[in-house]
Amino acid sequence: MNQKINPFHLVEQRPWPLLASNRALTLVLSGLILINKKNINFMRTSLILTCLAAYVWWRDIHREASNQGHHSFIVINGLKTGMILFISSEVFFFVSFFWAFFHRSISPNIELGQAWPPSQINSFNPIRIPLLNTILLLSSGVSITWSHHEILNKNFNKAKNALILTITLGMIFTLFQGFEYKEAPFCIADSSFGSTFFIATGFHGLHVIIGSIFLLISLLRFKKMINSQQHIIGFECAAWYWHFVDVVWLFLYSILYWWGAFS
């Protein structure tokens, strides 16, 4: 007899972790090929396969939780702890960019003309698109908190509308950042200022896109949250991730835009 005698979920053997790690490796290698060989075909293929591996893996997790009932409260607490540790690792990921920026800005060397930003670079005006994007992200942080509050109070129509508003604000932010990149007066190859700026803001933009997809999946699973209000771990993790994106942007705006423009 297959009788479960513990509250933990013992995951069955599946190929998805090995496949996902392999796809992540090929995605990095495809980036090197893109930079050195100017060939984007390998990057496209690797990106599609990586997304496919992530989809089938997360699909199984969804089935384990919603259909098979394997996610007990102990398992849910473990998932929350894992998300907290993941966000903590992302914090240090962005700390490295801030460290690089401060290292150059506080004591610019002779190669930078002993000036920051370098004399040939015109940095962005922080009170134009960057300020608008800041307002958009802060507003989305309020709306996702509102959505969570309404779910807990069983006001599902308001919760759904607030979630749609959050996703919309995230998409508008992404469009404005793309426009800002298109009109940028410098590029990633323009000294360490350009490389640090575009890598930091570019990775943040990628996190906004991932967070928007995360929230969109929560919107698609909204009926599941209505039927089981004690199992909204996916939505809560998406909300935590979105708040992390908001906080990181505040630091990016303060340091890269204001400090970078007026230091």
C-alpha atoms as a PDB file:
ATOM      1  CA  MET A   1       0.000   0.000   0.000  1.00  0.00           C
ATOM      2  CA  ASN A   2       1.201   3.492  -0.903  1.00  0.00           C
ATOM      3  CA  GLN A   3       0.222   5.275   2.300  1.00  0.00           C
ATOM      4  CA  LYS A   4       1.688   8.700   3.021  1.00  0.00           C
ATOM      5  CA  ILE A   5       2.862   8.923   6.632  1.00  0.00           C
ATOM      6  CA  ASN A   6       4.491  12.383   6.599  1.00  0.00           C
ATOM      7  CA  PRO A   7       3.354  15.919   5.651  1.00  0.00           C
ATOM      8  CA  PHE A   8       6.231  16.442   3.217  1.00  0.00           C
ATOM      9  CA  HIS A   9       6.062  16.083  -0.555  1.00  0.00           C
ATOM     10  CA  LEU A  10       8.654  13.655  -1.902  1.00  0.00           C
ATOM     11  CA  VAL A  11       9.052  14.692  -5.539  1.00  0.00           C
ATOM     12  CA  GLU A  12       9.054  11.959  -8.144  1.00  0.00           C
ATOM     13  CA  GLN A  13      12.061  11.591 -10.412  1.00  0.00           C
ATOM     14  CA  ARG A  14      11.699  13.845 -13.444  1.00  0.00           C
ATOM     15  CA  PRO A  15      14.124  15.086 -16.107  1.00  0.00           C
ATOM     16  CA  TRP A  16      13.131  18.749 -15.809  1.00  0.00           C
ATOM     17  CA  PRO A  17      15.858  19.945 -13.358  1.00  0.00           C
ATOM     18  CA  LEU A  18      18.612  18.416 -15.511  1.00  0.00           C
ATOM     19  CA  LEU A  19      17.002  19.726 -18.695  1.00  0.00           C
ATOM     20  CA  ALA A  20      16.531  23.227 -17.271  1.00  0.00           C
ATOM     21  CA  SER A  21      20.144  23.465 -16.048  1.00  0.00           C
ATOM     22  CA  ASN A  22      21.387  22.270 -19.428  1.00  0.00           C
ATOM     23  CA  ARG A  23      19.229  24.859 -21.213  1.00  0.00           C
ATOM     24  CA  ALA A  24      20.525  27.602 -18.908  1.00  0.00           C
ATOM     25  CA  LEU A  25      24.099  26.653 -19.797  1.00  0.00           C
ATOM     26  CA  THR A  26      23.381  26.719 -23.531  1.00  0.00           C
ATOM     27  CA  LEU A  27      21.649  30.088 -23.084  1.00  0.00           C
ATOM     28  CA  VAL A  28      24.838  31.560 -21.626  1.00  0.00           C
ATOM     29  CA  LEU A  29      26.939  30.023 -24.405  1.00  0.00           C
ATOM     30  CA  SER A  30      24.530  31.396 -27.005  1.00  0.00           C
ATOM     31  CA  GLY A  31      25.068  34.859 -25.517  1.00  0.00           C
ATOM     32  CA  LEU A  32      28.807  34.511 -26.066  1.00  0.00           C
ATOM     33  CA  ILE A  33      28.183  33.398 -29.645  1.00  0.00           C
ATOM     34  CA  LEU A  34      25.923  36.405 -30.178  1.00  0.00           C
ATOM     35  CA  ILE A  35      28.570  38.819 -28.893  1.00  0.00           C
ATOM     36  CA  ASN A  36      31.541  37.304 -30.733  1.00  0.00           C
ATOM     37  CA  LYS A  37      29.998  35.863 -33.918  1.00  0.00           C
ATOM     38  CA  LYS A  38      26.985  38.189 -34.297  1.00  0.00           C
ATOM     39  CA  ASN A  39      24.787  35.126 -34.785  1.00  0.00           C
ATOM     40  CA  ILE A  40      21.417  35.328 -33.022  1.00  0.00           C
ATOM     41  CA  ASN A  41      19.962  32.006 -34.229  1.00  0.00           C
ATOM     42  CA  PHE A  42      21.522  29.940 -31.435  1.00  0.00           C
ATOM     43  CA  MET A  43      20.269  32.482 -28.873  1.00  0.00           C
ATOM     44  CA  ARG A  44      16.704  32.239 -30.173  1.00  0.00           C
ATOM     45  CA  THR A  45      16.741  28.444 -30.087  1.00  0.00           C
ATOM     46  CA  SER A  46      18.221  28.329 -26.586  1.00  0.00           C
ATOM     47  CA  LEU A  47      15.710  30.870 -25.286  1.00  0.00           C
ATOM     48  CA  ILE A  48      12.766  28.910 -26.686  1.00  0.00           C
ATOM     49  CA  LEU A  49      14.033  25.629 -25.222  1.00  0.00           C
ATOM     50  CA  THR A  50      14.716  27.277 -21.849  1.00  0.00           C
ATOM     51  CA  CYS A  51      11.172  28.657 -21.703  1.00  0.00           C
ATOM     52  CA  LEU A  52       9.812  25.240 -22.691  1.00  0.00           C
ATOM     53  CA  ALA A  53      11.783  23.476 -19.942  1.00  0.00           C
ATOM     54  CA  ALA A  54      10.562  26.027 -17.375  1.00  0.00           C
ATOM     55  CA  TYR A  55       6.975  25.623 -18.572  1.00  0.00           C
ATOM     56  CA  VAL A  56       6.827  21.825 -18.254  1.00  0.00           C
ATOM     57  CA  TRP A  57       8.552  21.926 -14.854  1.00  0.00           C
ATOM     58  CA  TRP A  58       6.202  24.559 -13.413  1.00  0.00           C
ATOM     59  CA  ARG A  59       3.244  22.801 -15.029  1.00  0.00           C
ATOM     60  CA  ASP A  60       4.044  19.707 -12.952  1.00  0.00           C
ATOM     61  CA  ILE A  61       4.359  21.821  -9.802  1.00  0.00           C
ATOM     62  CA  HIS A  62       0.942  23.332 -10.513  1.00  0.00           C
ATOM     63  CA  ARG A  63      -0.563  19.867 -10.952  1.00  0.00           C
ATOM     64  CA  GLU A  64       1.039  18.626  -7.739  1.00  0.00           C
ATOM     65  CA  ALA A  65      -0.490  21.521  -5.833  1.00  0.00           C
ATOM     66  CA  SER A  66      -3.903  21.998  -7.447  1.00  0.00           C
ATOM     67  CA  ASN A  67      -4.849  18.544  -8.722  1.00  0.00           C
ATOM     68  CA  GLN A  68      -2.942  16.073  -6.550  1.00  0.00           C
ATOM     69  CA  GLY A  69      -3.025  18.007  -3.264  1.00  0.00           C
ATOM     70  CA  HIS A  70       0.616  17.360  -2.365  1.00  0.00           C
ATOM     71  CA  HIS A  71       1.319  20.866  -1.061  1.00  0.00           C
ATOM     72  CA  SER A  72       0.603  20.712   2.651  1.00  0.00           C
ATOM     73  CA  PHE A  73       1.197  23.729   4.878  1.00  0.00           C
ATOM     74  CA  ILE A  74       4.707  22.496   5.659  1.00  0.00           C
ATOM     75  CA  VAL A  75       5.435  22.281   1.935  1.00  0.00           C
ATOM     76  CA  ILE A  76       3.978  25.771   1.436  1.00  0.00           C
ATOM     77  CA  ASN A  77       6.244  27.149   4.179  1.00  0.00           C
ATOM     78  CA  GLY A  78       9.179  25.511   2.439  1.00  0.00           C
ATOM     79  CA  LEU A  79       8.219  27.166  -0.840  1.00  0.00           C
ATOM     80  CA  LYS A  80       7.980  30.536   0.907  1.00  0.00           C
ATOM     81  CA  THR A  81      11.411  30.050   2.451  1.00  0.00           C
ATOM     82  CA  GLY A  82      12.824  29.140  -0.946  1.00  0.00           C
ATOM     83  CA  MET A  83      11.356  32.296  -2.479  1.00  0.00           C
ATOM     84  CA  ILE A  84      12.804  34.437   0.300  1.00  0.00           C
ATOM     85  CA  LEU A  85      16.249  32.918  -0.254  1.00  0.00           C
ATOM     86  CA  PHE A  86      15.928  33.441  -4.004  1.00  0.00           C
ATOM     87  CA  ILE A  87      15.032  37.126  -3.558  1.00  0.00           C
ATOM     88  CA  SER A  88      17.953  37.483  -1.122  1.00  0.00           C
ATOM     89  CA  SER A  89      20.322  36.136  -3.768  1.00  0.00           C
ATOM     90  CA  GLU A  90      18.866  38.614  -6.268  1.00  0.00           C
ATOM     91  CA  VAL A  91      19.561  41.446  -3.826  1.00  0.00           C
ATOM     92  CA  PHE A  92      23.260  40.607  -3.805  1.00  0.00           C
ATOM     93  CA  PHE A  93      23.146  40.265  -7.583  1.00  0.00           C
ATOM     94  CA  PHE A  94      22.184  43.933  -7.861  1.00  0.00           C
ATOM     95  CA  VAL A  95      24.525  44.964  -5.045  1.00  0.00           C
ATOM     96  CA  SER A  96      27.421  44.009  -7.343  1.00  0.00           C
ATOM     97  CA  PHE A  97      26.215  46.540  -9.914  1.00  0.00           C
ATOM     98  CA  PHE A  98      25.879  49.287  -7.316  1.00  0.00           C
ATOM     99  CA  TRP A  99      29.331  48.421  -6.012  1.00  0.00           C
ATOM    100  CA  ALA A 100      30.816  48.785  -9.495  1.00  0.00           C
ATOM    101  CA  PHE A 101      29.031  52.096 -10.021  1.00  0.00           C
ATOM    102  CA  PHE A 102      30.197  53.596  -6.718  1.00  0.00           C
ATOM    103  CA  HIS A 103      33.723  52.286  -7.245  1.00  0.00           C
ATOM    104  CA  ARG A 104      34.002  54.317 -10.456  1.00  0.00           C
ATOM    105  CA  SER A 105      31.939  57.347  -9.472  1.00  0.00           C
ATOM    106  CA  ILE A 106      33.598  58.101  -6.140  1.00  0.00           C
ATOM    107  CA  SER A 107      37.129  57.894  -7.529  1.00  0.00           C
ATOM    108  CA  PRO A 108      37.145  58.086 -11.355  1.00  0.00           C
ATOM    109  CA  ASN A 109      40.530  57.155 -12.816  1.00  0.00           C
ATOM    110  CA  ILE A 110      42.522  58.808 -15.573  1.00  0.00           C
ATOM    111  CA  GLU A 111      40.918  56.661 -18.288  1.00  0.00           C
ATOM    112  CA  LEU A 112      37.562  58.246 -17.405  1.00  0.00           C
ATOM    113  CA  GLY A 113      39.030  61.740 -17.514  1.00  0.00           C
ATOM    114  CA  GLN A 114      38.846  61.885 -13.720  1.00  0.00           C
ATOM    115  CA  ALA A 115      35.198  62.880 -14.069  1.00  0.00           C
ATOM    116  CA  TRP A 116      31.903  61.115 -13.469  1.00  0.00           C
ATOM    117  CA  PRO A 117      30.023  60.769 -15.675  1.00  0.00           C
ATOM    118  CA  PRO A 118      32.847  60.928 -18.243  1.00  0.00           C
ATOM    119  CA  SER A 119      32.940  64.232 -20.108  1.00  0.00           C
ATOM    120  CA  GLN A 120      31.825  62.762 -23.455  1.00  0.00           C
ATOM    121  CA  ILE A 121      28.667  61.201 -21.983  1.00  0.00           C
ATOM    122  CA  ASN A 122      25.371  63.046 -21.527  1.00  0.00           C
ATOM    123  CA  SER A 123      23.427  61.145 -18.889  1.00  0.00           C
ATOM    124  CA  PHE A 124      19.624  60.935 -18.741  1.00  0.00           C
ATOM    125  CA  ASN A 125      17.509  63.669 -17.233  1.00  0.00           C
ATOM    126  CA  PRO A 126      16.156  62.011 -14.051  1.00  0.00           C
ATOM    127  CA  ILE A 127      12.968  64.105 -13.925  1.00  0.00           C
ATOM    128  CA  ARG A 128      11.629  62.970 -17.299  1.00  0.00           C
ATOM    129  CA  ILE A 129      11.037  59.300 -18.251  1.00  0.00           C
ATOM    130  CA  PRO A 130      12.938  57.900 -15.208  1.00  0.00           C
ATOM    131  CA  LEU A 131      10.662  59.834 -12.830  1.00  0.00           C
ATOM    132  CA  LEU A 132       7.562  58.690 -14.742  1.00  0.00           C
ATOM    133  CA  ASN A 133       8.754  55.076 -14.541  1.00  0.00           C
ATOM    134  CA  THR A 134       9.312  55.510 -10.811  1.00  0.00           C
ATOM    135  CA  ILE A 135       5.720  56.682 -10.361  1.00  0.00           C
ATOM    136  CA  LEU A 136       4.479  53.753 -12.456  1.00  0.00           C
ATOM    137  CA  LEU A 137       6.359  51.141 -10.428  1.00  0.00           C
ATOM    138  CA  LEU A 138       5.424  52.643  -7.070  1.00  0.00           C
ATOM    139  CA  SER A 139       1.785  52.716  -8.191  1.00  0.00           C
ATOM    140  CA  SER A 140       2.023  49.071  -9.236  1.00  0.00           C
ATOM    141  CA  GLY A 141       3.385  48.219  -5.793  1.00  0.00           C
ATOM    142  CA  VAL A 142       0.318  49.825  -4.245  1.00  0.00           C
ATOM    143  CA  SER A 143      -2.053  48.016  -6.609  1.00  0.00           C
ATOM    144  CA  ILE A 144      -0.526  44.553  -5.990  1.00  0.00           C
ATOM    145  CA  THR A 145      -0.832  45.144  -2.221  1.00  0.00           C
ATOM    146  CA  TRP A 146      -4.423  46.197  -2.777  1.00  0.00           C
ATOM    147  CA  SER A 147      -5.080  43.018  -4.769  1.00  0.00           C
ATOM    148  CA  HIS A 148      -3.643  40.824  -2.000  1.00  0.00           C
ATOM    149  CA  HIS A 149      -5.707  42.638   0.611  1.00  0.00           C
ATOM    150  CA  GLU A 150      -8.913  42.153  -1.392  1.00  0.00           C
ATOM    151  CA  ILE A 151      -8.217  38.430  -1.863  1.00  0.00           C
ATOM    152  CA  LEU A 152      -7.847  37.987   1.880  1.00  0.00           C
ATOM    153  CA  ASN A 153     -11.144  39.837   2.352  1.00  0.00           C
ATOM    154  CA  LYS A 154     -12.872  37.747  -0.374  1.00  0.00           C
ATOM    155  CA  ASN A 155     -13.504  40.752  -2.630  1.00  0.00           C
ATOM    156  CA  PHE A 156     -12.437  38.875  -5.729  1.00  0.00           C
ATOM    157  CA  ASN A 157     -13.652  41.308  -8.389  1.00  0.00           C
ATOM    158  CA  LYS A 158     -11.651  44.156  -6.861  1.00  0.00           C
ATOM    159  CA  ALA A 159      -8.662  41.853  -6.401  1.00  0.00           C
ATOM    160  CA  LYS A 160      -8.765  40.839 -10.056  1.00  0.00           C
ATOM    161  CA  ASN A 161      -9.040  44.444 -11.244  1.00  0.00           C
ATOM    162  CA  ALA A 162      -6.119  45.493  -9.056  1.00  0.00           C
ATOM    163  CA  LEU A 163      -4.030  42.627 -10.416  1.00  0.00           C
ATOM    164  CA  ILE A 164      -4.854  43.635 -14.004  1.00  0.00           C
ATOM    165  CA  LEU A 165      -3.858  47.209 -13.142  1.00  0.00           C
ATOM    166  CA  THR A 166      -0.511  46.001 -11.772  1.00  0.00           C
ATOM    167  CA  ILE A 167       0.262  44.021 -14.917  1.00  0.00           C
ATOM    168  CA  THR A 168      -0.713  46.986 -17.103  1.00  0.00           C
ATOM    169  CA  LEU A 169       1.552  49.366 -15.183  1.00  0.00           C
ATOM    170  CA  GLY A 170       4.436  46.894 -15.501  1.00  0.00           C
ATOM    171  CA  MET A 171       3.936  46.652 -19.257  1.00  0.00           C
ATOM    172  CA  ILE A 172       3.837  50.454 -19.605  1.00  0.00           C
ATOM    173  CA  PHE A 173       7.062  50.678 -17.603  1.00  0.00           C
ATOM    174  CA  THR A 174       8.719  48.217 -19.987  1.00  0.00           C
ATOM    175  CA  LEU A 175       7.573  50.206 -23.041  1.00  0.00           C
ATOM    176  CA  PHE A 176       8.912  53.461 -21.611  1.00  0.00           C
ATOM    177  CA  GLN A 177      12.247  51.869 -20.756  1.00  0.00           C
ATOM    178  CA  GLY A 178      12.507  50.490 -24.288  1.00  0.00           C
ATOM    179  CA  PHE A 179      11.837  53.985 -25.656  1.00  0.00           C
ATOM    180  CA  GLU A 180      14.480  55.383 -23.297  1.00  0.00           C
ATOM    181  CA  TYR A 181      17.033  52.873 -24.560  1.00  0.00           C
ATOM    182  CA  LYS A 182      16.206  53.754 -28.167  1.00  0.00           C
ATOM    183  CA  GLU A 183      16.755  57.472 -27.533  1.00  0.00           C
ATOM    184  CA  ALA A 184      19.802  57.018 -25.287  1.00  0.00           C
ATOM    185  CA  PRO A 185      22.684  59.453 -25.997  1.00  0.00           C
ATOM    186  CA  PHE A 186      25.255  56.767 -25.149  1.00  0.00           C
ATOM    187  CA  CYS A 187      25.554  52.984 -25.486  1.00  0.00           C
ATOM    188  CA  ILE A 188      26.810  50.035 -23.469  1.00  0.00           C
ATOM    189  CA  ALA A 189      30.298  50.365 -25.001  1.00  0.00           C
ATOM    190  CA  ASP A 190      30.756  53.962 -23.792  1.00  0.00           C
ATOM    191  CA  SER A 191      33.172  53.491 -20.878  1.00  0.00           C
ATOM    192  CA  SER A 192      32.300  51.843 -17.585  1.00  0.00           C
ATOM    193  CA  PHE A 193      29.453  54.326 -17.123  1.00  0.00           C
ATOM    194  CA  GLY A 194      27.587  52.972 -20.131  1.00  0.00           C
ATOM    195  CA  SER A 195      28.281  49.334 -19.360  1.00  0.00           C
ATOM    196  CA  THR A 196      27.249  49.617 -15.706  1.00  0.00           C
ATOM    197  CA  PHE A 197      24.157  51.648 -16.536  1.00  0.00           C
ATOM    198  CA  PHE A 198      22.804  49.368 -19.252  1.00  0.00           C
ATOM    199  CA  ILE A 199      23.647  46.119 -17.483  1.00  0.00           C
ATOM    200  CA  ALA A 200      22.011  47.240 -14.217  1.00  0.00           C
ATOM    201  CA  THR A 201      18.896  48.781 -15.773  1.00  0.00           C
ATOM    202  CA  GLY A 202      18.711  46.043 -18.406  1.00  0.00           C
ATOM    203  CA  PHE A 203      18.678  43.261 -15.831  1.00  0.00           C
ATOM    204  CA  HIS A 204      16.096  45.195 -13.847  1.00  0.00           C
ATOM    205  CA  GLY A 205      13.982  45.495 -16.991  1.00  0.00           C
ATOM    206  CA  LEU A 206      14.293  41.739 -17.459  1.00  0.00           C
ATOM    207  CA  HIS A 207      13.092  41.267 -13.882  1.00  0.00           C
ATOM    208  CA  VAL A 208      10.092  43.509 -14.606  1.00  0.00           C
ATOM    209  CA  ILE A 209       9.192  41.358 -17.630  1.00  0.00           C
ATOM    210  CA  ILE A 210       9.580  38.150 -15.601  1.00  0.00           C
ATOM    211  CA  GLY A 211       7.527  39.637 -12.763  1.00  0.00           C
ATOM    212  CA  SER A 212       4.803  40.691 -15.212  1.00  0.00           C
ATOM    213  CA  ILE A 213       4.648  37.132 -16.560  1.00  0.00           C
ATOM    214  CA  PHE A 214       4.559  35.839 -12.979  1.00  0.00           C
ATOM    215  CA  LEU A 215       1.573  38.094 -12.222  1.00  0.00           C
ATOM    216  CA  LEU A 216      -0.101  37.186 -15.510  1.00  0.00           C
ATOM    217  CA  ILE A 217       0.066  33.489 -14.597  1.00  0.00           C
ATOM    218  CA  SER A 218      -1.463  34.370 -11.214  1.00  0.00           C
ATOM    219  CA  LEU A 219      -4.245  36.168 -13.062  1.00  0.00           C
ATOM    220  CA  LEU A 220      -4.884  33.094 -15.198  1.00  0.00           C
ATOM    221  CA  ARG A 221      -5.004  30.975 -12.025  1.00  0.00           C
ATOM    222  CA  PHE A 222      -7.302  33.423 -10.269  1.00  0.00           C
ATOM    223  CA  LYS A 223     -10.206  30.957 -10.152  1.00  0.00           C
ATOM    224  CA  LYS A 224      -7.959  28.527  -8.273  1.00  0.00           C
ATOM    225  CA  MET A 225      -7.261  31.220  -5.668  1.00  0.00           C
ATOM    226  CA  ILE A 226     -10.997  31.804  -5.240  1.00  0.00           C
ATOM    227  CA  ASN A 227     -11.646  28.101  -4.673  1.00  0.00           C
ATOM    228  CA  SER A 228      -8.749  27.668  -2.246  1.00  0.00           C
ATOM    229  CA  GLN A 229      -7.836  30.828  -0.383  1.00  0.00           C
ATOM    230  CA  GLN A 230      -5.408  28.983   1.880  1.00  0.00           C
ATOM    231  CA  HIS A 231      -3.250  28.025  -1.099  1.00  0.00           C
ATOM    232  CA  ILE A 232      -2.301  31.305  -2.765  1.00  0.00           C
ATOM    233  CA  ILE A 233       1.419  30.771  -2.424  1.00  0.00           C
ATOM    234  CA  GLY A 234       1.988  31.417  -6.138  1.00  0.00           C
ATOM    235  CA  PHE A 235       0.319  34.825  -5.948  1.00  0.00           C
ATOM    236  CA  GLU A 236       2.102  35.736  -2.718  1.00  0.00           C
ATOM    237  CA  CYS A 237       5.496  34.843  -4.184  1.00  0.00           C
ATOM    238  CA  ALA A 238       4.671  36.924  -7.267  1.00  0.00           C
ATOM    239  CA  ALA A 239       3.740  39.859  -5.014  1.00  0.00           C
ATOM    240  CA  TRP A 240       7.001  39.543  -3.046  1.00  0.00           C
ATOM    241  CA  TYR A 241       8.973  39.427  -6.261  1.00  0.00           C
ATOM    242  CA  TRP A 242       7.189  42.522  -7.542  1.00  0.00           C
ATOM    243  CA  HIS A 243       7.908  44.457  -4.350  1.00  0.00           C
ATOM    244  CA  PHE A 244      11.554  43.464  -4.724  1.00  0.00           C
ATOM    245  CA  VAL A 245      11.520  44.869  -8.270  1.00  0.00           C
ATOM    246  CA  ASP A 246      10.030  48.114  -6.915  1.00  0.00           C
ATOM    247  CA  VAL A 247      12.672  48.526  -4.221  1.00  0.00           C
ATOM    248  CA  VAL A 248      15.546  47.791  -6.602  1.00  0.00           C
ATOM    249  CA  TRP A 249      14.236  50.426  -8.998  1.00  0.00           C
ATOM    250  CA  LEU A 250      14.239  53.036  -6.221  1.00  0.00           C
ATOM    251  CA  PHE A 251      17.942  52.365  -5.683  1.00  0.00           C
ATOM    252  CA  LEU A 252      18.608  52.384  -9.430  1.00  0.00           C
ATOM    253  CA  TYR A 253      16.779  55.675  -9.830  1.00  0.00           C
ATOM    254  CA  SER A 254      18.544  57.284  -6.873  1.00  0.00           C
ATOM    255  CA  ILE A 255      22.022  56.062  -7.745  1.00  0.00           C
ATOM    256  CA  LEU A 256      22.259  55.626 -11.528  1.00  0.00           C
ATOM    257  CA  TYR A 257      20.006  58.493 -12.567  1.00  0.00           C
ATOM    258  CA  TRP A 258      20.355  61.129  -9.826  1.00  0.00           C
ATOM    259  CA  TRP A 259      23.893  60.357  -8.645  1.00  0.00           C
ATOM    260  CA  GLY A 260      25.001  59.641 -12.209  1.00  0.00           C
ATOM    261  CA  ALA A 261      23.589  62.910 -13.500  1.00  0.00           C
ATOM    262  CA  PHE A 262      24.629  65.302 -10.747  1.00  0.00           C
ATOM    263  CA  SER A 263      27.743  63.760  -9.166  1.00  0.00           C
END
